[in-house]
Amino acid sequence: MSKQNQVTAYQERVYTALQQIPEGRVTTYAAMSRALGSSPRAVGGALRVNPFCPEVPCHRCIASTGFVGGYKGDWEKAPSGQNQESKLQLLKEEDVLFDANGFLVDKSLMWDGFNVEKLK
């Protein structure tokens, strides 16, 4: 990532971690925070301002409960239009489905195989 994109060193680590998540799989804020040695809130803060989405797939990170969570800073439907519907659509295109309440249907799609060495 180039410095011209004005991301912090921590955000760059988060975005590097996101790029490890395979298409058609999801991880959690908690799993990412463990891999990064940080907190789920810090991960969420970096995802909220991801200037590279959807190429750097922040949509593949969900809550540990299996709930879809937010997208681009909006936790639920918001006037900005950047909300759960956008995230759900991106995930649906990768065959990752959620029920009517916003919970992951197939828990076997959860992934946490981060290469921690690449995140240092």
N, C-alpha and C. Protein backbone atom coordinates (compact mmCIF):
# COMPACT_ATOMS: atom_id res chain seq x y z
N MET A 1 0.84 -1.17 0.00
CA MET A 1 0.00 0.00 0.00
C MET A 1 0.89 1.24 0.00
N SER A 2 0.54 2.17 -0.76
CA SER A 2 1.36 3.36 -0.88
C SER A 2 1.02 4.38 0.20
N LYS A 3 2.00 5.17 0.55
CA LYS A 3 1.81 6.21 1.56
C LYS A 3 0.82 7.26 1.08
N GLN A 4 0.68 7.43 -0.24
CA GLN A 4 -0.25 8.43 -0.75
C GLN A 4 -1.69 8.11 -0.38
N ASN A 5 -1.98 6.88 -0.03
CA ASN A 5 -3.33 6.52 0.39
C ASN A 5 -3.59 6.91 1.84
N GLN A 6 -2.56 7.40 2.53
CA GLN A 6 -2.63 7.91 3.88
C GLN A 6 -3.26 6.92 4.86
N VAL A 7 -2.77 5.71 4.85
CA VAL A 7 -3.20 4.74 5.84
C VAL A 7 -2.10 4.60 6.89
N THR A 8 -2.50 4.29 8.10
CA THR A 8 -1.52 4.10 9.17
C THR A 8 -0.87 2.73 9.02
N ALA A 9 0.21 2.54 9.75
CA ALA A 9 0.89 1.24 9.72
C ALA A 9 -0.06 0.15 10.21
N TYR A 10 -0.86 0.44 11.23
CA TYR A 10 -1.82 -0.55 11.74
C TYR A 10 -2.86 -0.88 10.67
N GLN A 11 -3.42 0.13 10.03
CA GLN A 11 -4.41 -0.11 8.98
C GLN A 11 -3.81 -0.95 7.86
N GLU A 12 -2.57 -0.69 7.51
CA GLU A 12 -1.91 -1.48 6.47
C GLU A 12 -1.84 -2.94 6.87
N ARG A 13 -1.55 -3.22 8.14
CA ARG A 13 -1.52 -4.60 8.63
C ARG A 13 -2.91 -5.23 8.54
N VAL A 14 -3.93 -4.47 8.91
CA VAL A 14 -5.31 -4.97 8.83
C VAL A 14 -5.67 -5.30 7.39
N TYR A 15 -5.34 -4.42 6.46
CA TYR A 15 -5.68 -4.62 5.07
C TYR A 15 -4.90 -5.80 4.47
N THR A 16 -3.69 -6.00 4.95
CA THR A 16 -2.90 -7.17 4.54
C THR A 16 -3.58 -8.45 5.02
N ALA A 17 -4.08 -8.43 6.26
CA ALA A 17 -4.80 -9.59 6.80
C ALA A 17 -6.06 -9.87 5.98
N LEU A 18 -6.79 -8.83 5.63
CA LEU A 18 -8.01 -9.01 4.84
C LEU A 18 -7.73 -9.72 3.52
N GLN A 19 -6.60 -9.41 2.92
CA GLN A 19 -6.27 -10.00 1.63
C GLN A 19 -5.96 -11.49 1.74
N GLN A 20 -5.77 -11.98 2.95
CA GLN A 20 -5.52 -13.41 3.15
C GLN A 20 -6.82 -14.22 3.19
N ILE A 21 -7.95 -13.58 3.42
CA ILE A 21 -9.22 -14.29 3.56
C ILE A 21 -9.67 -14.76 2.17
N PRO A 22 -9.83 -16.06 2.00
CA PRO A 22 -10.22 -16.58 0.68
C PRO A 22 -11.63 -16.13 0.28
N GLU A 23 -11.83 -15.96 -1.01
CA GLU A 23 -13.16 -15.66 -1.52
C GLU A 23 -14.10 -16.79 -1.11
N GLY A 24 -15.31 -16.43 -0.70
CA GLY A 24 -16.28 -17.44 -0.29
C GLY A 24 -16.14 -17.85 1.17
N ARG A 25 -15.28 -17.17 1.91
CA ARG A 25 -15.08 -17.45 3.34
C ARG A 25 -15.21 -16.13 4.09
N VAL A 26 -15.45 -16.22 5.39
CA VAL A 26 -15.51 -15.03 6.25
C VAL A 26 -14.70 -15.28 7.51
N THR A 27 -14.29 -14.20 8.12
CA THR A 27 -13.61 -14.27 9.41
C THR A 27 -14.34 -13.34 10.36
N THR A 28 -13.84 -13.22 11.57
CA THR A 28 -14.48 -12.34 12.55
C THR A 28 -13.52 -11.24 12.97
N TYR A 29 -14.09 -10.18 13.53
CA TYR A 29 -13.28 -9.09 14.07
C TYR A 29 -12.36 -9.67 15.16
N ALA A 30 -12.87 -10.60 15.95
CA ALA A 30 -12.08 -11.21 17.03
C ALA A 30 -10.92 -12.02 16.47
N ALA A 31 -11.16 -12.83 15.43
CA ALA A 31 -10.09 -13.64 14.83
C ALA A 31 -9.02 -12.74 14.23
N MET A 32 -9.44 -11.68 13.58
CA MET A 32 -8.46 -10.75 13.02
C MET A 32 -7.66 -10.08 14.13
N SER A 33 -8.33 -9.70 15.20
CA SER A 33 -7.61 -9.02 16.29
C SER A 33 -6.60 -9.96 16.94
N ARG A 34 -6.93 -11.24 17.07
CA ARG A 34 -5.96 -12.20 17.62
C ARG A 34 -4.74 -12.30 16.71
N ALA A 35 -4.96 -12.39 15.41
CA ALA A 35 -3.85 -12.50 14.46
C ALA A 35 -2.98 -11.24 14.47
N LEU A 36 -3.60 -10.10 14.72
CA LEU A 36 -2.89 -8.82 14.70
C LEU A 36 -2.36 -8.41 16.07
N GLY A 37 -2.78 -9.11 17.14
CA GLY A 37 -2.38 -8.73 18.49
C GLY A 37 -2.99 -7.40 18.90
N SER A 38 -4.25 -7.20 18.54
CA SER A 38 -4.92 -5.94 18.86
C SER A 38 -6.30 -6.23 19.45
N SER A 39 -7.26 -5.37 19.19
CA SER A 39 -8.61 -5.58 19.70
C SER A 39 -9.62 -5.58 18.55
N PRO A 40 -10.78 -6.23 18.75
CA PRO A 40 -11.81 -6.22 17.71
C PRO A 40 -12.25 -4.81 17.34
N ARG A 41 -12.31 -3.91 18.32
CA ARG A 41 -12.72 -2.53 18.02
C ARG A 41 -11.71 -1.83 17.13
N ALA A 42 -10.42 -2.09 17.37
CA ALA A 42 -9.37 -1.49 16.53
C ALA A 42 -9.50 -2.00 15.10
N VAL A 43 -9.77 -3.29 14.95
CA VAL A 43 -9.97 -3.87 13.62
C VAL A 43 -11.16 -3.19 12.95
N GLY A 44 -12.26 -3.08 13.68
CA GLY A 44 -13.46 -2.43 13.14
C GLY A 44 -13.19 -1.00 12.72
N GLY A 45 -12.38 -0.29 13.51
CA GLY A 45 -12.04 1.09 13.17
C GLY A 45 -11.27 1.18 11.85
N ALA A 46 -10.36 0.23 11.64
CA ALA A 46 -9.60 0.21 10.38
C ALA A 46 -10.49 -0.17 9.21
N LEU A 47 -11.40 -1.13 9.43
CA LEU A 47 -12.30 -1.55 8.35
C LEU A 47 -13.25 -0.42 7.96
N ARG A 48 -13.68 0.35 8.94
CA ARG A 48 -14.63 1.44 8.71
C ARG A 48 -14.10 2.44 7.68
N VAL A 49 -12.77 2.63 7.64
CA VAL A 49 -12.19 3.64 6.76
C VAL A 49 -11.38 3.03 5.62
N ASN A 50 -11.60 1.76 5.32
CA ASN A 50 -10.86 1.07 4.27
C ASN A 50 -11.07 1.76 2.92
N PRO A 51 -10.02 2.45 2.41
CA PRO A 51 -10.19 3.16 1.13
C PRO A 51 -10.08 2.24 -0.09
N PHE A 52 -9.80 0.96 0.14
CA PHE A 52 -9.54 0.03 -0.95
C PHE A 52 -10.66 -0.98 -1.17
N CYS A 53 -11.79 -0.84 -0.46
CA CYS A 53 -12.85 -1.83 -0.62
C CYS A 53 -13.59 -1.61 -1.93
N PRO A 54 -14.09 -2.65 -2.52
CA PRO A 54 -14.12 -4.03 -2.05
C PRO A 54 -12.90 -4.86 -2.47
N GLU A 55 -11.93 -4.24 -3.18
CA GLU A 55 -10.75 -5.01 -3.60
C GLU A 55 -10.00 -5.58 -2.40
N VAL A 56 -9.88 -4.78 -1.34
CA VAL A 56 -9.38 -5.28 -0.06
C VAL A 56 -10.64 -5.60 0.73
N PRO A 57 -10.98 -6.89 0.83
CA PRO A 57 -12.34 -7.34 1.16
C PRO A 57 -12.78 -7.24 2.63
N CYS A 58 -13.03 -6.00 3.09
CA CYS A 58 -13.50 -5.84 4.46
C CYS A 58 -14.90 -6.45 4.64
N HIS A 59 -15.60 -6.69 3.54
CA HIS A 59 -16.92 -7.32 3.63
C HIS A 59 -16.83 -8.76 4.14
N ARG A 60 -15.64 -9.35 4.14
CA ARG A 60 -15.47 -10.73 4.60
C ARG A 60 -15.25 -10.84 6.10
N CYS A 61 -15.41 -9.75 6.82
CA CYS A 61 -15.26 -9.77 8.27
C CYS A 61 -16.63 -9.55 8.92
N ILE A 62 -17.01 -10.48 9.80
CA ILE A 62 -18.33 -10.42 10.45
C ILE A 62 -18.14 -10.55 11.97
N ALA A 63 -19.23 -10.39 12.70
CA ALA A 63 -19.19 -10.53 14.16
C ALA A 63 -19.00 -11.99 14.56
N SER A 64 -18.41 -12.23 15.73
CA SER A 64 -18.16 -13.62 16.19
C SER A 64 -19.44 -14.43 16.37
N THR A 65 -20.55 -13.77 16.54
CA THR A 65 -21.83 -14.47 16.68
C THR A 65 -22.32 -15.02 15.34
N GLY A 66 -21.66 -14.62 14.25
CA GLY A 66 -22.13 -15.00 12.93
C GLY A 66 -23.00 -13.93 12.30
N PHE A 67 -23.22 -12.82 13.04
CA PHE A 67 -24.02 -11.71 12.52
C PHE A 67 -23.21 -10.96 11.47
N VAL A 68 -23.86 -10.51 10.43
CA VAL A 68 -23.19 -9.87 9.31
C VAL A 68 -22.38 -8.64 9.72
N GLY A 69 -22.82 -7.91 10.71
CA GLY A 69 -22.08 -6.72 11.14
C GLY A 69 -22.25 -5.56 10.18
N GLY A 70 -21.40 -4.57 10.36
CA GLY A 70 -21.52 -3.35 9.57
C GLY A 70 -20.66 -3.37 8.33
N TYR A 71 -20.77 -2.27 7.59
CA TYR A 71 -19.99 -2.13 6.35
C TYR A 71 -19.79 -0.65 6.09
N LYS A 72 -18.53 -0.29 5.89
CA LYS A 72 -18.16 1.10 5.62
C LYS A 72 -18.68 2.06 6.69
N GLY A 73 -18.63 1.63 7.93
CA GLY A 73 -19.00 2.52 9.04
C GLY A 73 -20.46 2.49 9.43
N ASP A 74 -21.31 1.85 8.65
CA ASP A 74 -22.73 1.78 8.97
C ASP A 74 -23.06 0.40 9.49
N TRP A 75 -23.58 0.31 10.71
CA TRP A 75 -23.90 -0.98 11.30
C TRP A 75 -25.18 -1.54 10.71
N GLU A 76 -26.17 -0.70 10.49
CA GLU A 76 -27.42 -1.17 9.90
C GLU A 76 -27.80 -0.27 8.74
N LYS A 77 -29.00 -0.41 8.25
CA LYS A 77 -29.44 0.41 7.12
C LYS A 77 -29.26 1.89 7.47
N ALA A 78 -28.69 2.63 6.56
CA ALA A 78 -28.41 4.05 6.80
C ALA A 78 -28.67 4.84 5.52
N PRO A 79 -28.94 6.12 5.68
CA PRO A 79 -29.22 6.96 4.50
C PRO A 79 -28.09 6.97 3.47
N SER A 80 -26.86 6.73 3.91
CA SER A 80 -25.73 6.76 2.97
C SER A 80 -25.82 5.67 1.91
N GLY A 81 -26.56 4.61 2.19
CA GLY A 81 -26.67 3.50 1.25
C GLY A 81 -25.53 2.50 1.40
N GLN A 82 -24.47 2.86 2.14
CA GLN A 82 -23.36 1.93 2.37
C GLN A 82 -23.66 1.20 3.67
N ASN A 83 -24.34 0.11 3.58
CA ASN A 83 -24.84 -0.57 4.76
C ASN A 83 -24.80 -2.07 4.60
N GLN A 84 -25.51 -2.73 5.48
CA GLN A 84 -25.53 -4.19 5.46
C GLN A 84 -25.99 -4.75 4.13
N GLU A 85 -26.88 -4.08 3.45
CA GLU A 85 -27.37 -4.61 2.17
C GLU A 85 -26.23 -4.73 1.17
N SER A 86 -25.35 -3.72 1.14
CA SER A 86 -24.19 -3.77 0.23
C SER A 86 -23.29 -4.94 0.60
N LYS A 87 -23.03 -5.09 1.90
CA LYS A 87 -22.15 -6.16 2.37
C LYS A 87 -22.77 -7.53 2.08
N LEU A 88 -24.06 -7.65 2.36
CA LEU A 88 -24.75 -8.91 2.11
C LEU A 88 -24.71 -9.27 0.62
N GLN A 89 -24.84 -8.29 -0.24
CA GLN A 89 -24.81 -8.54 -1.69
C GLN A 89 -23.42 -9.01 -2.12
N LEU A 90 -22.37 -8.36 -1.63
CA LEU A 90 -21.01 -8.78 -1.97
C LEU A 90 -20.76 -10.21 -1.51
N LEU A 91 -21.21 -10.53 -0.31
CA LEU A 91 -21.01 -11.89 0.22
C LEU A 91 -21.86 -12.91 -0.54
N LYS A 92 -23.07 -12.54 -0.90
CA LYS A 92 -23.93 -13.44 -1.68
C LYS A 92 -23.27 -13.78 -3.02
N GLU A 93 -22.60 -12.80 -3.63
CA GLU A 93 -21.89 -13.04 -4.89
C GLU A 93 -20.75 -14.03 -4.72
N GLU A 94 -20.30 -14.23 -3.47
CA GLU A 94 -19.25 -15.21 -3.15
C GLU A 94 -19.84 -16.49 -2.56
N ASP A 95 -21.17 -16.64 -2.65
CA ASP A 95 -21.90 -17.79 -2.12
C ASP A 95 -21.83 -17.91 -0.60
N VAL A 96 -21.69 -16.78 0.08
CA VAL A 96 -21.74 -16.73 1.54
C VAL A 96 -23.11 -16.15 1.88
N LEU A 97 -23.98 -16.98 2.46
CA LEU A 97 -25.37 -16.59 2.66
C LEU A 97 -25.69 -16.36 4.13
N PHE A 98 -26.64 -15.45 4.35
CA PHE A 98 -27.10 -15.09 5.68
C PHE A 98 -28.61 -15.27 5.74
N ASP A 99 -29.11 -15.59 6.93
CA ASP A 99 -30.56 -15.77 7.07
C ASP A 99 -31.25 -14.40 7.15
N ALA A 100 -32.57 -14.42 7.30
CA ALA A 100 -33.36 -13.19 7.32
C ALA A 100 -33.00 -12.28 8.49
N ASN A 101 -32.39 -12.83 9.54
CA ASN A 101 -31.98 -12.03 10.69
C ASN A 101 -30.54 -11.55 10.60
N GLY A 102 -29.87 -11.86 9.48
CA GLY A 102 -28.51 -11.39 9.28
C GLY A 102 -27.42 -12.29 9.83
N PHE A 103 -27.74 -13.57 10.07
CA PHE A 103 -26.75 -14.50 10.61
C PHE A 103 -26.26 -15.47 9.53
N LEU A 104 -24.98 -15.79 9.60
CA LEU A 104 -24.34 -16.70 8.66
C LEU A 104 -25.06 -18.04 8.66
N VAL A 105 -25.43 -18.53 7.50
CA VAL A 105 -26.15 -19.79 7.37
C VAL A 105 -25.20 -20.98 7.56
N ASP A 106 -24.06 -20.96 6.91
CA ASP A 106 -23.13 -22.09 6.94
C ASP A 106 -21.88 -21.73 7.73
N LYS A 107 -21.85 -22.13 8.99
CA LYS A 107 -20.73 -21.79 9.89
C LYS A 107 -19.40 -22.39 9.42
N SER A 108 -19.44 -23.38 8.53
CA SER A 108 -18.19 -23.97 8.05
C SER A 108 -17.42 -22.99 7.14
N LEU A 109 -18.05 -21.87 6.78
CA LEU A 109 -17.38 -20.87 5.96
C LEU A 109 -16.51 -19.92 6.78
N MET A 110 -16.56 -20.08 8.12
CA MET A 110 -15.70 -19.27 9.00
C MET A 110 -14.26 -19.67 8.77
N TRP A 111 -13.37 -18.68 8.73
CA TRP A 111 -11.96 -18.92 8.42
C TRP A 111 -11.08 -18.11 9.36
N ASP A 112 -9.98 -18.70 9.82
CA ASP A 112 -9.04 -17.96 10.66
C ASP A 112 -7.60 -18.41 10.43
N GLY A 113 -7.29 -18.77 9.22
CA GLY A 113 -5.97 -19.28 8.88
C GLY A 113 -4.94 -18.22 8.53
N PHE A 114 -4.92 -17.13 9.28
CA PHE A 114 -4.02 -16.03 8.98
C PHE A 114 -2.56 -16.44 9.09
N ASN A 115 -1.76 -15.97 8.16
CA ASN A 115 -0.30 -16.13 8.23
C ASN A 115 0.20 -14.93 9.03
N VAL A 116 0.37 -15.13 10.32
CA VAL A 116 0.72 -14.06 11.25
C VAL A 116 2.08 -13.45 10.90
N GLU A 117 2.97 -14.24 10.37
CA GLU A 117 4.31 -13.73 10.01
C GLU A 117 4.22 -12.60 8.99
N LYS A 118 3.24 -12.68 8.10
CA LYS A 118 3.08 -11.63 7.08
C LYS A 118 2.42 -10.37 7.63
N LEU A 119 1.98 -10.42 8.89
CA LEU A 119 1.27 -9.30 9.49
C LEU A 119 2.14 -8.47 10.43
N LYS A 120 3.42 -8.83 10.51
CA LYS A 120 4.32 -8.11 11.42
C LYS A 120 4.88 -6.87 10.79
